[in-house]
PDB file of N, CA and C in Angstrom:
ATOM      1  N   UNK A   1       4.536  35.894  -2.546  1.00  0.00           N
ATOM      2  CA  UNK A   1       5.535  36.705  -1.896  1.00  0.00           C
ATOM      3  C   UNK A   1       6.442  37.324  -2.978  1.00  0.00           C
ATOM      4  N   UNK A   2       6.634  38.646  -2.916  1.00  0.00           N
ATOM      5  CA  UNK A   2       7.474  39.290  -3.930  1.00  0.00           C
ATOM      6  C   UNK A   2       8.938  38.874  -3.784  1.00  0.00           C
ATOM      7  N   UNK A   3       9.642  38.888  -4.887  1.00  0.00           N
ATOM      8  CA  UNK A   3      11.050  38.495  -4.863  1.00  0.00           C
ATOM      9  C   UNK A   3      11.894  39.625  -4.279  1.00  0.00           C
ATOM     10  N   UNK A   4      12.858  39.254  -3.498  1.00  0.00           N
ATOM     11  CA  UNK A   4      13.794  40.204  -2.915  1.00  0.00           C
ATOM     12  C   UNK A   4      14.578  40.876  -4.052  1.00  0.00           C
ATOM     13  N   UNK A   5      14.701  42.211  -4.041  1.00  0.00           N
ATOM     14  CA  UNK A   5      15.414  42.900  -5.126  1.00  0.00           C
ATOM     15  C   UNK A   5      16.874  42.468  -5.257  1.00  0.00           C
ATOM     16  N   UNK A   6      17.508  42.133  -4.153  1.00  0.00           N
ATOM     17  CA  UNK A   6      18.899  41.681  -4.222  1.00  0.00           C
ATOM     18  C   UNK A   6      18.985  40.341  -4.934  1.00  0.00           C
ATOM     19  N   UNK A   7      18.058  39.453  -4.628  1.00  0.00           N
ATOM     20  CA  UNK A   7      18.044  38.149  -5.302  1.00  0.00           C
ATOM     21  C   UNK A   7      17.749  38.335  -6.790  1.00  0.00           C
ATOM     22  N   UNK A   8      16.814  39.204  -7.112  1.00  0.00           N
ATOM     23  CA  UNK A   8      16.494  39.468  -8.519  1.00  0.00           C
ATOM     24  C   UNK A   8      17.725  39.977  -9.263  1.00  0.00           C
ATOM     25  N   UNK A   9      18.471  40.862  -8.628  1.00  0.00           N
ATOM     26  CA  UNK A   9      19.691  41.390  -9.247  1.00  0.00           C
ATOM     27  C   UNK A   9      20.675  40.260  -9.554  1.00  0.00           C
ATOM     28  N   UNK A  10      20.925  39.409  -8.557  1.00  0.00           N
ATOM     29  CA  UNK A  10      21.894  38.328  -8.744  1.00  0.00           C
ATOM     30  C   UNK A  10      21.395  37.283  -9.747  1.00  0.00           C
ATOM     31  N   UNK A  11      20.089  37.026  -9.753  1.00  0.00           N
ATOM     32  CA  UNK A  11      19.534  36.098 -10.759  1.00  0.00           C
ATOM     33  C   UNK A  11      19.744  36.644 -12.158  1.00  0.00           C
ATOM     34  N   UNK A  12      19.527  37.945 -12.327  1.00  0.00           N
ATOM     35  CA  UNK A  12      19.744  38.570 -13.633  1.00  0.00           C
ATOM     36  C   UNK A  12      21.195  38.496 -14.057  1.00  0.00           C
ATOM     37  N   UNK A  13      22.089  38.687 -13.096  1.00  0.00           N
ATOM     38  CA  UNK A  13      23.512  38.602 -13.396  1.00  0.00           C
ATOM     39  C   UNK A  13      23.897  37.191 -13.832  1.00  0.00           C
ATOM     40  N   UNK A  14      23.371  36.186 -13.123  1.00  0.00           N
ATOM     41  CA  UNK A  14      23.636  34.794 -13.501  1.00  0.00           C
ATOM     42  C   UNK A  14      23.089  34.530 -14.906  1.00  0.00           C
ATOM     43  N   UNK A  15      21.881  34.994 -15.176  1.00  0.00           N
ATOM     44  CA  UNK A  15      21.277  34.778 -16.503  1.00  0.00           C
ATOM     45  C   UNK A  15      22.120  35.415 -17.599  1.00  0.00           C
ATOM     46  N   UNK A  16      22.566  36.644 -17.369  1.00  0.00           N
ATOM     47  CA  UNK A  16      23.363  37.340 -18.383  1.00  0.00           C
ATOM     48  C   UNK A  16      24.696  36.632 -18.607  1.00  0.00           C
ATOM     49  N   UNK A  17      25.351  36.224 -17.538  1.00  0.00           N
ATOM     50  CA  UNK A  17      26.655  35.577 -17.675  1.00  0.00           C
ATOM     51  C   UNK A  17      26.542  34.163 -18.231  1.00  0.00           C
ATOM     52  N   UNK A  18      25.372  33.550 -18.103  1.00  0.00           N
ATOM     53  CA  UNK A  18      25.162  32.218 -18.677  1.00  0.00           C
ATOM     54  C   UNK A  18      25.278  32.273 -20.202  1.00  0.00           C
ATOM     55  N   UNK A  19      24.938  33.424 -20.758  1.00  0.00           N
ATOM     56  CA  UNK A  19      24.978  33.581 -22.212  1.00  0.00           C
ATOM     57  C   UNK A  19      26.374  33.955 -22.721  1.00  0.00           C
ATOM     58  N   UNK A  20      27.324  34.117 -21.814  1.00  0.00           N
ATOM     59  CA  UNK A  20      28.683  34.463 -22.223  1.00  0.00           C
ATOM     60  C   UNK A  20      29.594  33.265 -21.991  1.00  0.00           C
ATOM     61  N   UNK A  21      30.863  33.471 -22.224  1.00  0.00           N
ATOM     62  CA  UNK A  21      31.843  32.415 -21.990  1.00  0.00           C
ATOM     63  C   UNK A  21      32.692  32.741 -20.766  1.00  0.00           C
ATOM     64  N   UNK A  22      32.175  33.572 -19.867  1.00  0.00           N
ATOM     65  CA  UNK A  22      32.902  34.016 -18.683  1.00  0.00           C
ATOM     66  C   UNK A  22      32.655  33.048 -17.525  1.00  0.00           C
ATOM     67  N   UNK A  23      33.415  31.965 -17.497  1.00  0.00           N
ATOM     68  CA  UNK A  23      33.204  30.927 -16.479  1.00  0.00           C
ATOM     69  C   UNK A  23      33.520  31.424 -15.072  1.00  0.00           C
ATOM     70  N   UNK A  24      34.578  32.229 -14.921  1.00  0.00           N
ATOM     71  CA  UNK A  24      34.919  32.763 -13.600  1.00  0.00           C
ATOM     72  C   UNK A  24      33.833  33.723 -13.122  1.00  0.00           C
ATOM     73  N   UNK A  25      33.385  34.596 -14.010  1.00  0.00           N
ATOM     74  CA  UNK A  25      32.336  35.544 -13.649  1.00  0.00           C
ATOM     75  C   UNK A  25      31.039  34.840 -13.300  1.00  0.00           C
ATOM     76  N   UNK A  26      30.709  33.798 -14.053  1.00  0.00           N
ATOM     77  CA  UNK A  26      29.488  33.033 -13.790  1.00  0.00           C
ATOM     78  C   UNK A  26      29.579  32.319 -12.443  1.00  0.00           C
ATOM     79  N   UNK A  27      30.724  31.746 -12.147  1.00  0.00           N
ATOM     80  CA  UNK A  27      30.901  31.069 -10.853  1.00  0.00           C
ATOM     81  C   UNK A  27      30.735  32.066  -9.705  1.00  0.00           C
ATOM     82  N   UNK A  28      31.310  33.247  -9.853  1.00  0.00           N
ATOM     83  CA  UNK A  28      31.186  34.279  -8.811  1.00  0.00           C
ATOM     84  C   UNK A  28      29.741  34.738  -8.688  1.00  0.00           C
ATOM     85  N   UNK A  29      29.050  34.903  -9.810  1.00  0.00           N
ATOM     86  CA  UNK A  29      27.653  35.339  -9.789  1.00  0.00           C
ATOM     87  C   UNK A  29      26.769  34.290  -9.123  1.00  0.00           C
ATOM     88  N   UNK A  30      27.019  33.023  -9.401  1.00  0.00           N
ATOM     89  CA  UNK A  30      26.245  31.951  -8.757  1.00  0.00           C
ATOM     90  C   UNK A  30      26.504  31.915  -7.252  1.00  0.00           C
ATOM     91  N   UNK A  31      27.758  32.121  -6.861  1.00  0.00           N
ATOM     92  CA  UNK A  31      28.106  32.164  -5.450  1.00  0.00           C
ATOM     93  C   UNK A  31      27.397  33.342  -4.767  1.00  0.00           C
ATOM     94  N   UNK A  32      27.388  34.500  -5.426  1.00  0.00           N
ATOM     95  CA  UNK A  32      26.703  35.675  -4.874  1.00  0.00           C
ATOM     96  C   UNK A  32      25.200  35.431  -4.754  1.00  0.00           C
ATOM     97  N   UNK A  33      24.610  34.756  -5.741  1.00  0.00           N
ATOM     98  CA  UNK A  33      23.183  34.444  -5.689  1.00  0.00           C
ATOM     99  C   UNK A  33      22.892  33.495  -4.525  1.00  0.00           C
ATOM    100  N   UNK A  34      23.729  32.479  -4.356  1.00  0.00           N
ATOM    101  CA  UNK A  34      23.533  31.551  -3.232  1.00  0.00           C
ATOM    102  C   UNK A  34      23.602  32.285  -1.899  1.00  0.00           C
ATOM    103  N   UNK A  35      24.556  33.184  -1.759  1.00  0.00           N
ATOM    104  CA  UNK A  35      24.692  33.933  -0.508  1.00  0.00           C
ATOM    105  C   UNK A  35      23.507  34.862  -0.284  1.00  0.00           C
ATOM    106  N   UNK A  36      23.014  35.479  -1.346  1.00  0.00           N
ATOM    107  CA  UNK A  36      21.845  36.362  -1.213  1.00  0.00           C
ATOM    108  C   UNK A  36      20.619  35.555  -0.790  1.00  0.00           C
ATOM    109  N   UNK A  37      20.459  34.374  -1.366  1.00  0.00           N
ATOM    110  CA  UNK A  37      19.338  33.517  -0.982  1.00  0.00           C
ATOM    111  C   UNK A  37      19.459  33.072   0.475  1.00  0.00           C
ATOM    112  N   UNK A  38      20.663  32.709   0.892  1.00  0.00           N
ATOM    113  CA  UNK A  38      20.894  32.305   2.275  1.00  0.00           C
ATOM    114  C   UNK A  38      20.581  33.462   3.225  1.00  0.00           C
ATOM    115  N   UNK A  39      21.060  34.643   2.890  1.00  0.00           N
ATOM    116  CA  UNK A  39      20.806  35.807   3.738  1.00  0.00           C
ATOM    117  C   UNK A  39      19.313  36.098   3.846  1.00  0.00           C
ATOM    118  N   UNK A  40      18.597  36.028   2.734  1.00  0.00           N
ATOM    119  CA  UNK A  40      17.150  36.269   2.751  1.00  0.00           C
ATOM    120  C   UNK A  40      16.437  35.213   3.601  1.00  0.00           C
ATOM    121  N   UNK A  41      16.879  33.974   3.485  1.00  0.00           N
ATOM    122  CA  UNK A  41      16.271  32.886   4.267  1.00  0.00           C
ATOM    123  C   UNK A  41      16.507  33.105   5.765  1.00  0.00           C
ATOM    124  N   UNK A  42      17.733  33.437   6.110  1.00  0.00           N
ATOM    125  CA  UNK A  42      18.044  33.690   7.517  1.00  0.00           C
ATOM    126  C   UNK A  42      17.234  34.872   8.028  1.00  0.00           C
ATOM    127  N   UNK A  43      17.099  35.920   7.225  1.00  0.00           N
ATOM    128  CA  UNK A  43      16.316  37.092   7.632  1.00  0.00           C
ATOM    129  C   UNK A  43      14.866  36.692   7.915  1.00  0.00           C
ATOM    130  N   UNK A  44      14.276  35.851   7.050  1.00  0.00           N
ATOM    131  CA  UNK A  44      12.898  35.400   7.279  1.00  0.00           C
ATOM    132  C   UNK A  44      12.789  34.600   8.577  1.00  0.00           C
ATOM    133  N   UNK A  45      13.771  33.733   8.833  1.00  0.00           N
ATOM    134  CA  UNK A  45      13.762  32.949  10.074  1.00  0.00           C
ATOM    135  C   UNK A  45      13.870  33.844  11.297  1.00  0.00           C
ATOM    136  N   UNK A  46      14.773  34.801  11.249  1.00  0.00           N
ATOM    137  CA  UNK A  46      14.969  35.702  12.386  1.00  0.00           C
ATOM    138  C   UNK A  46      13.728  36.551  12.612  1.00  0.00           C
ATOM    139  N   UNK A  47      13.139  37.049  11.542  1.00  0.00           N
ATOM    140  CA  UNK A  47      11.942  37.879  11.673  1.00  0.00           C
ATOM    141  C   UNK A  47      10.765  37.103  12.264  1.00  0.00           C
ATOM    142  N   UNK A  48      10.697  35.798  11.989  1.00  0.00           N
ATOM    143  CA  UNK A  48       9.580  34.981  12.467  1.00  0.00           C
ATOM    144  C   UNK A  48       9.826  34.381  13.852  1.00  0.00           C
ATOM    145  N   UNK A  49      11.063  34.434  14.312  1.00  0.00           N
ATOM    146  CA  UNK A  49      11.411  33.786  15.578  1.00  0.00           C
ATOM    147  C   UNK A  49      11.014  34.644  16.780  1.00  0.00           C
ATOM    148  N   UNK A  50      10.736  33.977  17.880  1.00  0.00           N
ATOM    149  CA  UNK A  50      10.483  34.726  19.118  1.00  0.00           C
ATOM    150  C   UNK A  50      11.799  35.329  19.615  1.00  0.00           C
ATOM    151  N   UNK A  51      11.719  36.285  20.531  1.00  0.00           N
ATOM    152  CA  UNK A  51      12.949  36.861  21.079  1.00  0.00           C
ATOM    153  C   UNK A  51      13.837  35.778  21.702  1.00  0.00           C
ATOM    154  N   UNK A  52      15.153  35.973  21.617  1.00  0.00           N
ATOM    155  CA  UNK A  52      16.082  35.002  22.176  1.00  0.00           C
ATOM    156  C   UNK A  52      16.910  35.667  23.277  1.00  0.00           C
ATOM    157  N   UNK A  53      17.507  34.821  24.085  1.00  0.00           N
ATOM    158  CA  UNK A  53      18.348  35.328  25.163  1.00  0.00           C
ATOM    159  C   UNK A  53      19.735  35.658  24.611  1.00  0.00           C
ATOM    160  N   UNK A  54      20.506  36.364  25.402  1.00  0.00           N
ATOM    161  CA  UNK A  54      21.875  36.685  25.000  1.00  0.00           C
ATOM    162  C   UNK A  54      22.691  35.405  24.830  1.00  0.00           C
ATOM    163  N   UNK A  55      22.466  34.423  25.689  1.00  0.00           N
ATOM    164  CA  UNK A  55      23.190  33.153  25.594  1.00  0.00           C
ATOM    165  C   UNK A  55      22.854  32.423  24.290  1.00  0.00           C
ATOM    166  N   UNK A  56      21.571  32.425  23.918  1.00  0.00           N
ATOM    167  CA  UNK A  56      21.162  31.791  22.661  1.00  0.00           C
ATOM    168  C   UNK A  56      21.792  32.525  21.477  1.00  0.00           C
ATOM    169  N   UNK A  57      21.794  33.849  21.535  1.00  0.00           N
ATOM    170  CA  UNK A  57      22.397  34.639  20.457  1.00  0.00           C
ATOM    171  C   UNK A  57      23.880  34.312  20.337  1.00  0.00           C
ATOM    172  N   UNK A  58      24.569  34.199  21.480  1.00  0.00           N
ATOM    173  CA  UNK A  58      25.996  33.894  21.470  1.00  0.00           C
ATOM    174  C   UNK A  58      26.274  32.513  20.878  1.00  0.00           C
ATOM    175  N   UNK A  59      25.415  31.522  21.178  1.00  0.00           N
ATOM    176  CA  UNK A  59      25.586  30.172  20.605  1.00  0.00           C
ATOM    177  C   UNK A  59      25.399  30.207  19.089  1.00  0.00           C
ATOM    178  N   UNK A  60      24.402  30.939  18.632  1.00  0.00           N
ATOM    179  CA  UNK A  60      24.160  31.044  17.186  1.00  0.00           C
ATOM    180  C   UNK A  60      25.330  31.744  16.507  1.00  0.00           C
ATOM    181  N   UNK A  61      25.815  32.801  17.119  1.00  0.00           N
ATOM    182  CA  UNK A  61      26.968  33.524  16.572  1.00  0.00           C
ATOM    183  C   UNK A  61      28.180  32.610  16.488  1.00  0.00           C
ATOM    184  N   UNK A  62      28.394  31.790  17.511  1.00  0.00           N
ATOM    185  CA  UNK A  62      29.528  30.864  17.510  1.00  0.00           C
ATOM    186  C   UNK A  62      29.415  29.859  16.367  1.00  0.00           C
ATOM    187  N   UNK A  63      28.203  29.418  16.074  1.00  0.00           N
ATOM    188  CA  UNK A  63      27.998  28.477  14.962  1.00  0.00           C
ATOM    189  C   UNK A  63      28.405  29.125  13.641  1.00  0.00           C
ATOM    190  N   UNK A  64      27.977  30.345  13.440  1.00  0.00           N
ATOM    191  CA  UNK A  64      28.295  31.047  12.189  1.00  0.00           C
ATOM    192  C   UNK A  64      29.800  31.280  12.079  1.00  0.00           C
ATOM    193  N   UNK A  65      30.419  31.720  13.163  1.00  0.00           N
ATOM    194  CA  UNK A  65      31.856  32.002  13.126  1.00  0.00           C
ATOM    195  C   UNK A  65      32.696  30.744  13.000  1.00  0.00           C
ATOM    196  N   UNK A  66      32.187  29.611  13.420  1.00  0.00           N
ATOM    197  CA  UNK A  66      32.935  28.356  13.332  1.00  0.00           C
ATOM    198  C   UNK A  66      32.885  27.743  11.933  1.00  0.00           C
ATOM    199  N   UNK A  67      31.983  28.227  11.082  1.00  0.00           N
ATOM    200  CA  UNK A  67      31.867  27.690   9.731  1.00  0.00           C
ATOM    201  C   UNK A  67      33.157  27.958   8.968  1.00  0.00           C
ATOM    202  N   UNK A  68      33.680  26.962   8.248  1.00  0.00           N
ATOM    203  CA  UNK A  68      34.972  27.130   7.569  1.00  0.00           C
ATOM    204  C   UNK A  68      34.990  28.214   6.488  1.00  0.00           C
ATOM    205  N   UNK A  69      33.834  28.580   5.957  1.00  0.00           N
ATOM    206  CA  UNK A  69      33.789  29.603   4.903  1.00  0.00           C
ATOM    207  C   UNK A  69      33.521  30.995   5.438  1.00  0.00           C
ATOM    208  N   UNK A  70      33.523  31.168   6.750  1.00  0.00           N
ATOM    209  CA  UNK A  70      33.271  32.467   7.334  1.00  0.00           C
ATOM    210  C   UNK A  70      34.511  33.330   7.212  1.00  0.00           C
ATOM    211  N   UNK A  71      34.349  34.508   6.626  1.00  0.00           N
ATOM    212  CA  UNK A  71      35.467  35.456   6.517  1.00  0.00           C
ATOM    213  C   UNK A  71      35.709  36.097   7.874  1.00  0.00           C
ATOM    214  N   UNK A  72      36.940  36.170   8.267  1.00  0.00           N
ATOM    215  CA  UNK A  72      37.288  36.774   9.557  1.00  0.00           C
ATOM    216  C   UNK A  72      37.882  38.139   9.345  1.00  0.00           C
TER     217      UNK A  72
END
């Protein structure tokens, strides 16, 4: 399976910042890479899943919005 271009971008950024002394930048790049990987994983799950009802969608949305790191 080919690598997602967004993940490749963030991996490259992490690699480049690993060679510097920019600890804040590296932490942000690692966080961005983790989020890109999570998004790609969720996209694969959604693409492979059967259709869901509106109620199921609402429950899933509530789970995401209830997460403490969700930006409002």
